[in-house]
C-alpha cells in the first residue's frame, strides 16, 4: 500500500517516524496523507476523494507557504480596520499568544500590522 501511495502526484505520504510538531498525533497512525499544492481531499460522495481545487479545503501541510487562512479578530490591541491579505494558519497561535501575553515559543511570528501596542 505504501509503495502505491508514494507514487501519487496529488499528495505526499508522511510515515509515523516523520510525524512531529504540529503533524504529530496522540492516536496510533501509520501514515498521513498531505495534499499537494492545488489538490484537496473530499468526503463528498458526489466528488472524487482527491480533486484539483484550492481554497477552503482540508488535507494540506500547514507549513506550506501557499496555504492561507481566514482570521477575524476584534478587541483590545487589535488594530482596527486592519486587513491582512495573506495569513498562514501557523500565524494564529503566535497572534493569540501575543494578545494574551502567554509567552508561547512559536516557530512563526504574528503577522505584521495586526496588533497595536497597549492603550
PDB file of N, CA and C in Angstrom:
ATOM      1  N   UNK A   1       0.826  -1.188   0.000  1.00  0.00           N
ATOM      2  CA  UNK A   1       0.000   0.000   0.000  1.00  0.00           C
ATOM      3  C   UNK A   1       0.873   1.255   0.000  1.00  0.00           C
ATOM      4  N   UNK A   2       1.911   1.261   0.840  1.00  0.00           N
ATOM      5  CA  UNK A   2       2.770   2.448   0.922  1.00  0.00           C
ATOM      6  C   UNK A   2       3.446   2.758  -0.407  1.00  0.00           C
ATOM      7  N   UNK A   3       3.873   1.719  -1.128  1.00  0.00           N
ATOM      8  CA  UNK A   3       4.507   1.948  -2.424  1.00  0.00           C
ATOM      9  C   UNK A   3       3.531   2.564  -3.410  1.00  0.00           C
ATOM     10  N   UNK A   4       2.300   2.091  -3.419  1.00  0.00           N
ATOM     11  CA  UNK A   4       1.284   2.667  -4.305  1.00  0.00           C
ATOM     12  C   UNK A   4       0.990   4.114  -3.930  1.00  0.00           C
ATOM     13  N   UNK A   5       0.890   4.389  -2.636  1.00  0.00           N
ATOM     14  CA  UNK A   5       0.627   5.756  -2.189  1.00  0.00           C
ATOM     15  C   UNK A   5       1.776   6.691  -2.541  1.00  0.00           C
ATOM     16  N   UNK A   6       2.993   6.206  -2.446  1.00  0.00           N
ATOM     17  CA  UNK A   6       4.167   7.037  -2.715  1.00  0.00           C
ATOM     18  C   UNK A   6       4.255   7.467  -4.174  1.00  0.00           C
ATOM     19  N   UNK A   7       3.579   6.757  -5.072  1.00  0.00           N
ATOM     20  CA  UNK A   7       3.633   7.080  -6.498  1.00  0.00           C
ATOM     21  C   UNK A   7       2.615   8.140  -6.915  1.00  0.00           C
ATOM     22  N   UNK A   8       1.767   8.575  -6.024  1.00  0.00           N
ATOM     23  CA  UNK A   8       0.722   9.539  -6.361  1.00  0.00           C
ATOM     24  C   UNK A   8       1.297  10.950  -6.466  1.00  0.00           C
ATOM     25  N   UNK A   9       0.878  11.709  -7.466  1.00  0.00           N
ATOM     26  CA  UNK A   9       1.330  13.089  -7.639  1.00  0.00           C
ATOM     27  C   UNK A   9       0.500  14.071  -6.827  1.00  0.00           C
ATOM     28  N   UNK A  10      -0.730  13.694  -6.491  1.00  0.00           N
ATOM     29  CA  UNK A  10      -1.660  14.613  -5.839  1.00  0.00           C
ATOM     30  C   UNK A  10      -1.378  14.819  -4.354  1.00  0.00           C
ATOM     31  N   UNK A  11      -0.678  13.899  -3.735  1.00  0.00           N
ATOM     32  CA  UNK A  11      -0.431  14.032  -2.303  1.00  0.00           C
ATOM     33  C   UNK A  11       0.908  13.422  -1.913  1.00  0.00           C
ATOM     34  N   UNK A  12       1.339  13.772  -0.709  1.00  0.00           N
ATOM     35  CA  UNK A  12       2.571  13.246  -0.129  1.00  0.00           C
ATOM     36  C   UNK A  12       2.186  12.302   1.000  1.00  0.00           C
ATOM     37  N   UNK A  13       2.925  11.224   1.142  1.00  0.00           N
ATOM     38  CA  UNK A  13       2.710  10.285   2.238  1.00  0.00           C
ATOM     39  C   UNK A  13       3.758  10.549   3.307  1.00  0.00           C
ATOM     40  N   UNK A  14       3.304  10.782   4.517  1.00  0.00           N
ATOM     41  CA  UNK A  14       4.205  11.042   5.637  1.00  0.00           C
ATOM     42  C   UNK A  14       4.083   9.886   6.619  1.00  0.00           C
ATOM     43  N   UNK A  15       5.160   9.142   6.808  1.00  0.00           N
ATOM     44  CA  UNK A  15       5.132   7.997   7.722  1.00  0.00           C
ATOM     45  C   UNK A  15       5.267   8.459   9.167  1.00  0.00           C
ATOM     46  N   UNK A  16       4.816   7.620  10.079  1.00  0.00           N
ATOM     47  CA  UNK A  16       4.781   7.951  11.506  1.00  0.00           C
ATOM     48  C   UNK A  16       6.116   8.481  12.027  1.00  0.00           C
ATOM     49  N   UNK A  17       7.205   7.904  11.584  1.00  0.00           N
ATOM     50  CA  UNK A  17       8.516   8.336  12.092  1.00  0.00           C
ATOM     51  C   UNK A  17       8.832   9.784  11.738  1.00  0.00           C
ATOM     52  N   UNK A  18       8.120  10.357  10.778  1.00  0.00           N
ATOM     53  CA  UNK A  18       8.341  11.750  10.387  1.00  0.00           C
ATOM     54  C   UNK A  18       7.287  12.697  10.957  1.00  0.00           C
ATOM     55  N   UNK A  19       6.342  12.166  11.720  1.00  0.00           N
ATOM     56  CA  UNK A  19       5.282  12.993  12.295  1.00  0.00           C
ATOM     57  C   UNK A  19       5.770  13.594  13.602  1.00  0.00           C
ATOM     58  N   UNK A  20       6.037  14.877  13.584  1.00  0.00           N
ATOM     59  CA  UNK A  20       6.439  15.567  14.804  1.00  0.00           C
ATOM     60  C   UNK A  20       5.890  16.987  14.778  1.00  0.00           C
ATOM     61  N   UNK A  21       5.980  17.673  15.881  1.00  0.00           N
ATOM     62  CA  UNK A  21       5.467  19.037  15.952  1.00  0.00           C
ATOM     63  C   UNK A  21       3.979  19.082  15.687  1.00  0.00           C
ATOM     64  N   UNK A  22       3.556  19.984  14.832  1.00  0.00           N
ATOM     65  CA  UNK A  22       2.133  20.176  14.555  1.00  0.00           C
ATOM     66  C   UNK A  22       1.524  19.027  13.769  1.00  0.00           C
ATOM     67  N   UNK A  23       2.332  18.155  13.209  1.00  0.00           N
ATOM     68  CA  UNK A  23       1.808  16.995  12.487  1.00  0.00           C
ATOM     69  C   UNK A  23       1.786  15.735  13.339  1.00  0.00           C
ATOM     70  N   UNK A  24       2.122  15.845  14.615  1.00  0.00           N
ATOM     71  CA  UNK A  24       2.090  14.671  15.487  1.00  0.00           C
ATOM     72  C   UNK A  24       0.654  14.405  15.930  1.00  0.00           C
ATOM     73  N   UNK A  25       0.397  13.180  16.313  1.00  0.00           N
ATOM     74  CA  UNK A  25      -0.935  12.801  16.758  1.00  0.00           C
ATOM     75  C   UNK A  25      -0.825  11.821  17.920  1.00  0.00           C
ATOM     76  N   UNK A  26      -1.726  11.946  18.868  1.00  0.00           N
ATOM     77  CA  UNK A  26      -1.731  11.036  20.017  1.00  0.00           C
ATOM     78  C   UNK A  26      -2.252   9.658  19.615  1.00  0.00           C
ATOM     79  N   UNK A  27      -3.070   9.628  18.575  1.00  0.00           N
ATOM     80  CA  UNK A  27      -3.628   8.357  18.117  1.00  0.00           C
ATOM     81  C   UNK A  27      -2.591   7.590  17.306  1.00  0.00           C
ATOM     82  N   UNK A  28      -2.659   6.288  17.380  1.00  0.00           N
ATOM     83  CA  UNK A  28      -1.726   5.439  16.630  1.00  0.00           C
ATOM     84  C   UNK A  28      -2.066   5.522  15.149  1.00  0.00           C
ATOM     85  N   UNK A  29      -1.157   6.069  14.379  1.00  0.00           N
ATOM     86  CA  UNK A  29      -1.346   6.252  12.953  1.00  0.00           C
ATOM     87  C   UNK A  29      -0.090   5.793  12.231  1.00  0.00           C
ATOM     88  N   UNK A  30      -0.242   5.031  11.170  1.00  0.00           N
ATOM     89  CA  UNK A  30       0.925   4.573  10.414  1.00  0.00           C
ATOM     90  C   UNK A  30       1.436   5.629   9.447  1.00  0.00           C
ATOM     91  N   UNK A  31       0.520   6.411   8.866  1.00  0.00           N
ATOM     92  CA  UNK A  31       0.944   7.445   7.931  1.00  0.00           C
ATOM     93  C   UNK A  31      -0.134   8.516   7.797  1.00  0.00           C
ATOM     94  N   UNK A  32       0.269   9.668   7.277  1.00  0.00           N
ATOM     95  CA  UNK A  32      -0.653  10.765   6.958  1.00  0.00           C
ATOM     96  C   UNK A  32      -0.574  11.029   5.469  1.00  0.00           C
ATOM     97  N   UNK A  33      -1.660  11.495   4.900  1.00  0.00           N
ATOM     98  CA  UNK A  33      -1.652  11.954   3.520  1.00  0.00           C
ATOM     99  C   UNK A  33      -1.770  13.471   3.548  1.00  0.00           C
ATOM    100  N   UNK A  34      -0.853  14.155   2.884  1.00  0.00           N
ATOM    101  CA  UNK A  34      -0.862  15.613   2.818  1.00  0.00           C
ATOM    102  C   UNK A  34      -1.083  16.021   1.371  1.00  0.00           C
ATOM    103  N   UNK A  35      -2.162  16.737   1.122  1.00  0.00           N
ATOM    104  CA  UNK A  35      -2.475  17.160  -0.240  1.00  0.00           C
ATOM    105  C   UNK A  35      -1.402  18.115  -0.756  1.00  0.00           C
ATOM    106  N   UNK A  36      -0.970  17.916  -1.987  1.00  0.00           N
ATOM    107  CA  UNK A  36      -0.011  18.821  -2.612  1.00  0.00           C
ATOM    108  C   UNK A  36      -0.719  20.073  -3.111  1.00  0.00           C
ATOM    109  N   UNK A  37       0.047  21.054  -3.521  1.00  0.00           N
ATOM    110  CA  UNK A  37      -0.496  22.338  -3.978  1.00  0.00           C
ATOM    111  C   UNK A  37      -1.535  22.115  -5.076  1.00  0.00           C
ATOM    112  N   UNK A  38      -2.657  22.806  -4.944  1.00  0.00           N
ATOM    113  CA  UNK A  38      -3.791  22.766  -5.879  1.00  0.00           C
ATOM    114  C   UNK A  38      -4.593  21.465  -5.838  1.00  0.00           C
ATOM    115  N   UNK A  39      -4.395  20.656  -4.804  1.00  0.00           N
ATOM    116  CA  UNK A  39      -5.197  19.456  -4.616  1.00  0.00           C
ATOM    117  C   UNK A  39      -5.803  19.465  -3.227  1.00  0.00           C
ATOM    118  N   UNK A  40      -6.892  18.716  -3.048  1.00  0.00           N
ATOM    119  CA  UNK A  40      -7.556  18.635  -1.746  1.00  0.00           C
ATOM    120  C   UNK A  40      -8.213  17.269  -1.612  1.00  0.00           C
ATOM    121  N   UNK A  41      -8.598  16.944  -0.386  1.00  0.00           N
ATOM    122  CA  UNK A  41      -9.329  15.710  -0.112  1.00  0.00           C
ATOM    123  C   UNK A  41     -10.782  16.060   0.166  1.00  0.00           C
ATOM    124  N   UNK A  42     -11.692  15.169  -0.206  1.00  0.00           N
ATOM    125  CA  UNK A  42     -13.114  15.418  -0.012  1.00  0.00           C
ATOM    126  C   UNK A  42     -13.782  14.207   0.614  1.00  0.00           C
ATOM    127  N   UNK A  43     -14.804  14.477   1.426  1.00  0.00           N
ATOM    128  CA  UNK A  43     -15.646  13.378   1.915  1.00  0.00           C
ATOM    129  C   UNK A  43     -16.996  13.409   1.210  1.00  0.00           C
ATOM    130  N   UNK A  44     -17.143  14.328   0.266  1.00  0.00           N
ATOM    131  CA  UNK A  44     -18.363  14.482  -0.516  1.00  0.00           C
ATOM    132  C   UNK A  44     -18.512  13.282  -1.456  1.00  0.00           C
ATOM    133  N   UNK A  45     -19.631  12.592  -1.374  1.00  0.00           N
ATOM    134  CA  UNK A  45     -19.835  11.404  -2.199  1.00  0.00           C
ATOM    135  C   UNK A  45     -20.039  11.729  -3.673  1.00  0.00           C
ATOM    136  N   UNK A  46     -20.306  13.004  -3.986  1.00  0.00           N
ATOM    137  CA  UNK A  46     -20.501  13.406  -5.379  1.00  0.00           C
ATOM    138  C   UNK A  46     -19.206  13.859  -6.047  1.00  0.00           C
ATOM    139  N   UNK A  47     -18.109  13.887  -5.314  1.00  0.00           N
ATOM    140  CA  UNK A  47     -16.816  14.295  -5.861  1.00  0.00           C
ATOM    141  C   UNK A  47     -15.833  13.144  -5.705  1.00  0.00           C
ATOM    142  N   UNK A  48     -14.776  13.159  -6.514  1.00  0.00           N
ATOM    143  CA  UNK A  48     -13.706  12.189  -6.253  1.00  0.00           C
ATOM    144  C   UNK A  48     -13.073  12.493  -4.890  1.00  0.00           C
ATOM    145  N   UNK A  49     -12.438  11.515  -4.288  1.00  0.00           N
ATOM    146  CA  UNK A  49     -11.809  11.740  -2.984  1.00  0.00           C
ATOM    147  C   UNK A  49     -10.646  12.719  -3.075  1.00  0.00           C
ATOM    148  N   UNK A  50      -9.942  12.714  -4.202  1.00  0.00           N
ATOM    149  CA  UNK A  50      -8.856  13.660  -4.442  1.00  0.00           C
ATOM    150  C   UNK A  50      -9.262  14.475  -5.659  1.00  0.00           C
ATOM    151  N   UNK A  51      -9.220  15.792  -5.546  1.00  0.00           N
ATOM    152  CA  UNK A  51      -9.624  16.617  -6.671  1.00  0.00           C
ATOM    153  C   UNK A  51      -8.741  17.848  -6.779  1.00  0.00           C
ATOM    154  N   UNK A  52      -8.686  18.397  -7.979  1.00  0.00           N
ATOM    155  CA  UNK A  52      -7.850  19.548  -8.289  1.00  0.00           C
ATOM    156  C   UNK A  52      -8.600  20.824  -7.933  1.00  0.00           C
ATOM    157  N   UNK A  53      -8.316  21.358  -6.748  1.00  0.00           N
ATOM    158  CA  UNK A  53      -9.004  22.561  -6.282  1.00  0.00           C
ATOM    159  C   UNK A  53      -8.214  23.147  -5.120  1.00  0.00           C
ATOM    160  N   UNK A  54      -8.312  24.436  -4.957  1.00  0.00           N
ATOM    161  CA  UNK A  54      -7.676  25.063  -3.796  1.00  0.00           C
ATOM    162  C   UNK A  54      -8.677  25.999  -3.145  1.00  0.00           C
ATOM    163  N   UNK A  55      -8.431  26.316  -1.888  1.00  0.00           N
ATOM    164  CA  UNK A  55      -9.300  27.238  -1.155  1.00  0.00           C
ATOM    165  C   UNK A  55     -10.378  26.511  -0.382  1.00  0.00           C
ATOM    166  N   UNK A  56     -10.427  26.723   0.919  1.00  0.00           N
ATOM    167  CA  UNK A  56     -11.478  26.167   1.766  1.00  0.00           C
ATOM    168  C   UNK A  56     -11.496  24.660   1.824  1.00  0.00           C
ATOM    169  N   UNK A  57     -10.337  24.050   1.850  1.00  0.00           N
ATOM    170  CA  UNK A  57     -10.266  22.598   1.841  1.00  0.00           C
ATOM    171  C   UNK A  57      -9.411  22.098   3.006  1.00  0.00           C
ATOM    172  N   UNK A  58      -9.342  20.792   3.142  1.00  0.00           N
ATOM    173  CA  UNK A  58      -8.552  20.162   4.200  1.00  0.00           C
ATOM    174  C   UNK A  58      -7.517  19.244   3.576  1.00  0.00           C
ATOM    175  N   UNK A  59      -6.498  18.943   4.344  1.00  0.00           N
ATOM    176  CA  UNK A  59      -5.535  17.940   3.918  1.00  0.00           C
ATOM    177  C   UNK A  59      -4.151  18.458   3.627  1.00  0.00           C
ATOM    178  N   UNK A  60      -3.951  19.767   3.678  1.00  0.00           N
ATOM    179  CA  UNK A  60      -2.638  20.314   3.369  1.00  0.00           C
ATOM    180  C   UNK A  60      -1.746  20.442   4.587  1.00  0.00           C
ATOM    181  N   UNK A  61      -0.463  20.505   4.344  1.00  0.00           N
ATOM    182  CA  UNK A  61       0.531  20.709   5.397  1.00  0.00           C
ATOM    183  C   UNK A  61       0.549  22.193   5.752  1.00  0.00           C
ATOM    184  N   UNK A  62       0.203  22.566   6.987  1.00  0.00           N
ATOM    185  CA  UNK A  62       0.121  23.984   7.348  1.00  0.00           C
ATOM    186  C   UNK A  62       1.439  24.740   7.244  1.00  0.00           C
ATOM    187  N   UNK A  63       2.552  24.044   7.133  1.00  0.00           N
ATOM    188  CA  UNK A  63       3.825  24.751   6.996  1.00  0.00           C
ATOM    189  C   UNK A  63       4.066  25.233   5.568  1.00  0.00           C
ATOM    190  N   UNK A  64       3.258  24.783   4.628  1.00  0.00           N
ATOM    191  CA  UNK A  64       3.413  25.212   3.241  1.00  0.00           C
ATOM    192  C   UNK A  64       2.960  26.659   3.080  1.00  0.00           C
ATOM    193  N   UNK A  65       3.831  27.494   2.542  1.00  0.00           N
ATOM    194  CA  UNK A  65       3.567  28.933   2.462  1.00  0.00           C
ATOM    195  C   UNK A  65       2.406  29.283   1.534  1.00  0.00           C
ATOM    196  N   UNK A  66       2.048  28.417   0.599  1.00  0.00           N
ATOM    197  CA  UNK A  66       0.952  28.730  -0.312  1.00  0.00           C
ATOM    198  C   UNK A  66      -0.422  28.551   0.347  1.00  0.00           C
ATOM    199  N   UNK A  67      -0.486  27.900   1.506  1.00  0.00           N
ATOM    200  CA  UNK A  67      -1.768  27.716   2.194  1.00  0.00           C
ATOM    201  C   UNK A  67      -2.076  28.930   3.061  1.00  0.00           C
ATOM    202  N   UNK A  68      -3.216  29.532   2.847  1.00  0.00           N
ATOM    203  CA  UNK A  68      -3.639  30.727   3.585  1.00  0.00           C
ATOM    204  C   UNK A  68      -4.873  30.392   4.415  1.00  0.00           C
ATOM    205  N   UNK A  69      -5.177  31.252   5.391  1.00  0.00           N
ATOM    206  CA  UNK A  69      -6.329  31.033   6.252  1.00  0.00           C
ATOM    207  C   UNK A  69      -7.110  32.321   6.427  1.00  0.00           C
ATOM    208  N   UNK A  70      -8.342  32.187   6.820  1.00  0.00           N
ATOM    209  CA  UNK A  70      -9.132  33.343   7.224  1.00  0.00           C
ATOM    210  C   UNK A  70      -8.980  33.556   8.720  1.00  0.00           C
ATOM    211  N   UNK A  71      -9.043  34.798   9.155  1.00  0.00           N
ATOM    212  CA  UNK A  71      -8.899  35.101  10.577  1.00  0.00           C
ATOM    213  C   UNK A  71      -9.619  36.411  10.840  1.00  0.00           C
ATOM    214  N   UNK A  72     -10.572  36.405  11.754  1.00  0.00           N
ATOM    215  CA  UNK A  72     -11.313  37.611  12.126  1.00  0.00           C
ATOM    216  C   UNK A  72     -11.086  37.847  13.604  1.00  0.00           C
ATOM    217  N   UNK A  73     -10.698  39.061  13.955  1.00  0.00           N
ATOM    218  CA  UNK A  73     -10.431  39.373  15.359  1.00  0.00           C
ATOM    219  C   UNK A  73     -10.833  40.810  15.653  1.00  0.00           C
ATOM    220  N   UNK A  74     -11.258  41.043  16.884  1.00  0.00           N
ATOM    221  CA  UNK A  74     -11.535  42.400  17.344  1.00  0.00           C
ATOM    222  C   UNK A  74     -11.278  42.435  18.843  1.00  0.00           C
ATOM    223  N   UNK A  75     -11.100  43.625  19.358  1.00  0.00           N
ATOM    224  CA  UNK A  75     -10.882  43.754  20.791  1.00  0.00           C
ATOM    225  C   UNK A  75      -9.630  44.541  21.101  1.00  0.00           C
ATOM    226  N   UNK A  76      -9.276  44.530  22.365  1.00  0.00           N
ATOM    227  CA  UNK A  76      -8.121  45.279  22.838  1.00  0.00           C
ATOM    228  C   UNK A  76      -6.852  44.847  22.103  1.00  0.00           C
ATOM    229  N   UNK A  77      -6.105  45.818  21.662  1.00  0.00           N
ATOM    230  CA  UNK A  77      -4.821  45.657  20.972  1.00  0.00           C
ATOM    231  C   UNK A  77      -4.907  45.100  19.555  1.00  0.00           C
ATOM    232  N   UNK A  78      -6.116  44.888  19.043  1.00  0.00           N
ATOM    233  CA  UNK A  78      -6.265  44.549  17.629  1.00  0.00           C
ATOM    234  C   UNK A  78      -6.384  45.872  16.881  1.00  0.00           C
ATOM    235  N   UNK A  79      -5.526  46.062  15.912  1.00  0.00           N
ATOM    236  CA  UNK A  79      -5.518  47.313  15.156  1.00  0.00           C
ATOM    237  C   UNK A  79      -6.785  47.392  14.303  1.00  0.00           C
ATOM    238  N   UNK A  80      -7.652  48.355  14.627  1.00  0.00           N
ATOM    239  CA  UNK A  80      -8.954  48.485  13.968  1.00  0.00           C
ATOM    240  C   UNK A  80      -8.795  48.735  12.471  1.00  0.00           C
ATOM    241  N   UNK A  81      -9.610  48.058  11.693  1.00  0.00           N
ATOM    242  CA  UNK A  81      -9.633  48.239  10.244  1.00  0.00           C
ATOM    243  C   UNK A  81      -8.523  47.524   9.494  1.00  0.00           C
ATOM    244  N   UNK A  82      -7.737  46.756  10.187  1.00  0.00           N
ATOM    245  CA  UNK A  82      -6.626  46.054   9.541  1.00  0.00           C
ATOM    246  C   UNK A  82      -7.145  44.920   8.666  1.00  0.00           C
ATOM    247  N   UNK A  83      -6.649  44.873   7.460  1.00  0.00           N
ATOM    248  CA  UNK A  83      -6.949  43.765   6.551  1.00  0.00           C
ATOM    249  C   UNK A  83      -5.618  43.146   6.147  1.00  0.00           C
ATOM    250  N   UNK A  84      -5.460  41.886   6.470  1.00  0.00           N
ATOM    251  CA  UNK A  84      -4.259  41.150   6.081  1.00  0.00           C
ATOM    252  C   UNK A  84      -4.587  40.360   4.824  1.00  0.00           C
ATOM    253  N   UNK A  85      -3.889  40.641   3.768  1.00  0.00           N
ATOM    254  CA  UNK A  85      -4.155  39.950   2.504  1.00  0.00           C
ATOM    255  C   UNK A  85      -3.771  38.472   2.572  1.00  0.00           C
ATOM    256  N   UNK A  86      -2.729  38.172   3.298  1.00  0.00           N
ATOM    257  CA  UNK A  86      -2.251  36.794   3.397  1.00  0.00           C
ATOM    258  C   UNK A  86      -1.889  36.465   4.829  1.00  0.00           C
ATOM    259  N   UNK A  87      -2.529  35.444   5.376  1.00  0.00           N
ATOM    260  CA  UNK A  87      -2.187  34.966   6.713  1.00  0.00           C
ATOM    261  C   UNK A  87      -2.138  33.450   6.661  1.00  0.00           C
ATOM    262  N   UNK A  88      -1.106  32.894   7.256  1.00  0.00           N
ATOM    263  CA  UNK A  88      -0.959  31.443   7.294  1.00  0.00           C
ATOM    264  C   UNK A  88      -1.542  30.913   8.594  1.00  0.00           C
ATOM    265  N   UNK A  89      -2.033  29.696   8.569  1.00  0.00           N
ATOM    266  CA  UNK A  89      -2.653  29.110   9.756  1.00  0.00           C
ATOM    267  C   UNK A  89      -1.654  29.013  10.909  1.00  0.00           C
ATOM    268  N   UNK A  90      -0.378  28.869  10.588  1.00  0.00           N
ATOM    269  CA  UNK A  90       0.643  28.772  11.632  1.00  0.00           C
ATOM    270  C   UNK A  90       0.925  30.115  12.300  1.00  0.00           C
ATOM    271  N   UNK A  91       0.312  31.204  11.815  1.00  0.00           N
ATOM    272  CA  UNK A  91       0.486  32.515  12.436  1.00  0.00           C
ATOM    273  C   UNK A  91      -0.602  32.824  13.464  1.00  0.00           C
ATOM    274  N   UNK A  92      -1.618  31.981  13.576  1.00  0.00           N
ATOM    275  CA  UNK A  92      -2.707  32.229  14.526  1.00  0.00           C
ATOM    276  C   UNK A  92      -2.230  32.054  15.961  1.00  0.00           C
ATOM    277  N   UNK A  93      -1.556  30.961  16.273  1.00  0.00           N
ATOM    278  CA  UNK A  93      -1.084  30.732  17.653  1.00  0.00           C
ATOM    279  C   UNK A  93      -0.161  31.843  18.138  1.00  0.00           C
ATOM    280  N   UNK A  94       0.811  32.308  17.334  1.00  0.00           N
ATOM    281  CA  UNK A  94       1.639  33.414  17.807  1.00  0.00           C
ATOM    282  C   UNK A  94       0.837  34.690  18.064  1.00  0.00           C
ATOM    283  N   UNK A  95      -0.174  34.956  17.233  1.00  0.00           N
ATOM    284  CA  UNK A  95      -1.001  36.150  17.430  1.00  0.00           C
ATOM    285  C   UNK A  95      -1.791  36.051  18.732  1.00  0.00           C
ATOM    286  N   UNK A  96      -2.408  34.912  18.980  1.00  0.00           N
ATOM    287  CA  UNK A  96      -3.175  34.716  20.219  1.00  0.00           C
ATOM    288  C   UNK A  96      -2.244  34.776  21.426  1.00  0.00           C
ATOM    289  N   UNK A  97      -1.072  34.171  21.315  1.00  0.00           N
ATOM    290  CA  UNK A  97      -0.098  34.214  22.409  1.00  0.00           C
ATOM    291  C   UNK A  97       0.306  35.645  22.736  1.00  0.00           C
ATOM    292  N   UNK A  98       0.545  36.437  21.705  1.00  0.00           N
ATOM    293  CA  UNK A  98       0.935  37.834  21.916  1.00  0.00           C
ATOM    294  C   UNK A  98      -0.210  38.641  22.522  1.00  0.00           C
ATOM    295  N   UNK A  99      -1.418  38.449  22.021  1.00  0.00           N
ATOM    296  CA  UNK A  99      -2.579  39.185  22.540  1.00  0.00           C
ATOM    297  C   UNK A  99      -2.855  38.866  24.003  1.00  0.00           C
ATOM    298  N   UNK A 100      -2.698  37.610  24.380  1.00  0.00           N
ATOM    299  CA  UNK A 100      -2.992  37.183  25.750  1.00  0.00           C
ATOM    300  C   UNK A 100      -1.756  37.175  26.648  1.00  0.00           C
ATOM    301  N   UNK A 101      -0.636  37.623  26.087  1.00  0.00           N
ATOM    302  CA  UNK A 101       0.618  37.692  26.837  1.00  0.00           C
ATOM    303  C   UNK A 101       0.988  36.329  27.442  1.00  0.00           C
ATOM    304  N   UNK A 102       0.882  35.282  26.613  1.00  0.00           N
ATOM    305  CA  UNK A 102       1.155  33.924  27.075  1.00  0.00           C
ATOM    306  C   UNK A 102       2.634  33.561  27.012  1.00  0.00           C
ATOM    307  N   UNK A 103       3.371  34.255  26.169  1.00  0.00           N
ATOM    308  CA  UNK A 103       4.795  33.973  26.054  1.00  0.00           C
ATOM    309  C   UNK A 103       5.117  32.624  25.441  1.00  0.00           C
ATOM    310  N   UNK A 104       4.236  32.119  24.582  1.00  0.00           N
ATOM    311  CA  UNK A 104       4.495  30.831  23.938  1.00  0.00           C
ATOM    312  C   UNK A 104       5.676  30.939  22.982  1.00  0.00           C
ATOM    313  N   UNK A 105       6.434  29.892  22.898  1.00  0.00           N
ATOM    314  CA  UNK A 105       7.528  29.826  21.941  1.00  0.00           C
ATOM    315  C   UNK A 105       6.952  29.266  20.645  1.00  0.00           C
ATOM    316  N   UNK A 106       6.877  30.099  19.621  1.00  0.00           N
ATOM    317  CA  UNK A 106       6.274  29.686  18.350  1.00  0.00           C
ATOM    318  C   UNK A 106       7.316  29.749  17.239  1.00  0.00           C
ATOM    319  N   UNK A 107       7.176  28.867  16.261  1.00  0.00           N
ATOM    320  CA  UNK A 107       8.135  28.824  15.161  1.00  0.00           C
ATOM    321  C   UNK A 107       7.875  29.902  14.111  1.00  0.00           C
ATOM    322  N   UNK A 108       6.707  30.518  14.141  1.00  0.00           N
ATOM    323  CA  UNK A 108       6.411  31.612  13.219  1.00  0.00           C
ATOM    324  C   UNK A 108       6.055  32.848  14.022  1.00  0.00           C
ATOM    325  N   UNK A 109       5.911  33.969  13.338  1.00  0.00           N
ATOM    326  CA  UNK A 109       5.636  35.230  14.013  1.00  0.00           C
ATOM    327  C   UNK A 109       4.223  35.704  13.718  1.00  0.00           C
ATOM    328  N   UNK A 110       3.743  36.613  14.576  1.00  0.00           N
ATOM    329  CA  UNK A 110       2.459  37.273  14.358  1.00  0.00           C
ATOM    330  C   UNK A 110       2.557  38.094  13.079  1.00  0.00           C
ATOM    331  N   UNK A 111       1.517  38.097  12.245  1.00  0.00           N
ATOM    332  CA  UNK A 111       1.568  38.902  11.030  1.00  0.00           C
ATOM    333  C   UNK A 111       1.765  40.383  11.366  1.00  0.00           C
ATOM    334  N   UNK A 112       2.644  41.075  10.659  1.00  0.00           N
ATOM    335  CA  UNK A 112       2.867  42.495  10.933  1.00  0.00           C
ATOM    336  C   UNK A 112       1.604  43.316  10.702  1.00  0.00           C
ATOM    337  N   UNK A 113       1.381  44.288  11.579  1.00  0.00           N
ATOM    338  CA  UNK A 113       0.252  45.198  11.434  1.00  0.00           C
ATOM    339  C   UNK A 113      -1.034  44.747  12.082  1.00  0.00           C
ATOM    340  N   UNK A 114      -1.083  43.557  12.644  1.00  0.00           N
ATOM    341  CA  UNK A 114      -2.311  43.045  13.251  1.00  0.00           C
ATOM    342  C   UNK A 114      -2.519  43.584  14.656  1.00  0.00           C
ATOM    343  N   UNK A 115      -1.457  43.640  15.436  1.00  0.00           N
ATOM    344  CA  UNK A 115      -1.571  44.002  16.847  1.00  0.00           C
ATOM    345  C   UNK A 115      -0.934  45.364  17.083  1.00  0.00           C
ATOM    346  N   UNK A 116      -1.651  46.201  17.827  1.00  0.00           N
ATOM    347  CA  UNK A 116      -1.105  47.506  18.208  1.00  0.00           C
ATOM    348  C   UNK A 116      -0.719  47.462  19.676  1.00  0.00           C
ATOM    349  N   UNK A 117       0.106  48.387  20.103  1.00  0.00           N
ATOM    350  CA  UNK A 117       0.545  48.440  21.496  1.00  0.00           C
ATOM    351  C   UNK A 117      -0.603  48.736  22.436  1.00  0.00           C
ATOM    352  N   UNK A 118      -0.412  48.488  23.740  1.00  0.00           N
ATOM    353  CA  UNK A 118      -1.474  48.760  24.722  1.00  0.00           C
ATOM    354  C   UNK A 118      -1.799  50.241  24.786  1.00  0.00           C
ATOM    355  N   UNK A 119      -3.081  50.530  25.078  1.00  0.00           N
ATOM    356  CA  UNK A 119      -3.533  51.927  25.174  1.00  0.00           C
ATOM    357  C   UNK A 119      -2.974  52.595  26.402  1.00  0.00           C
TER     358      UNK A 119
END
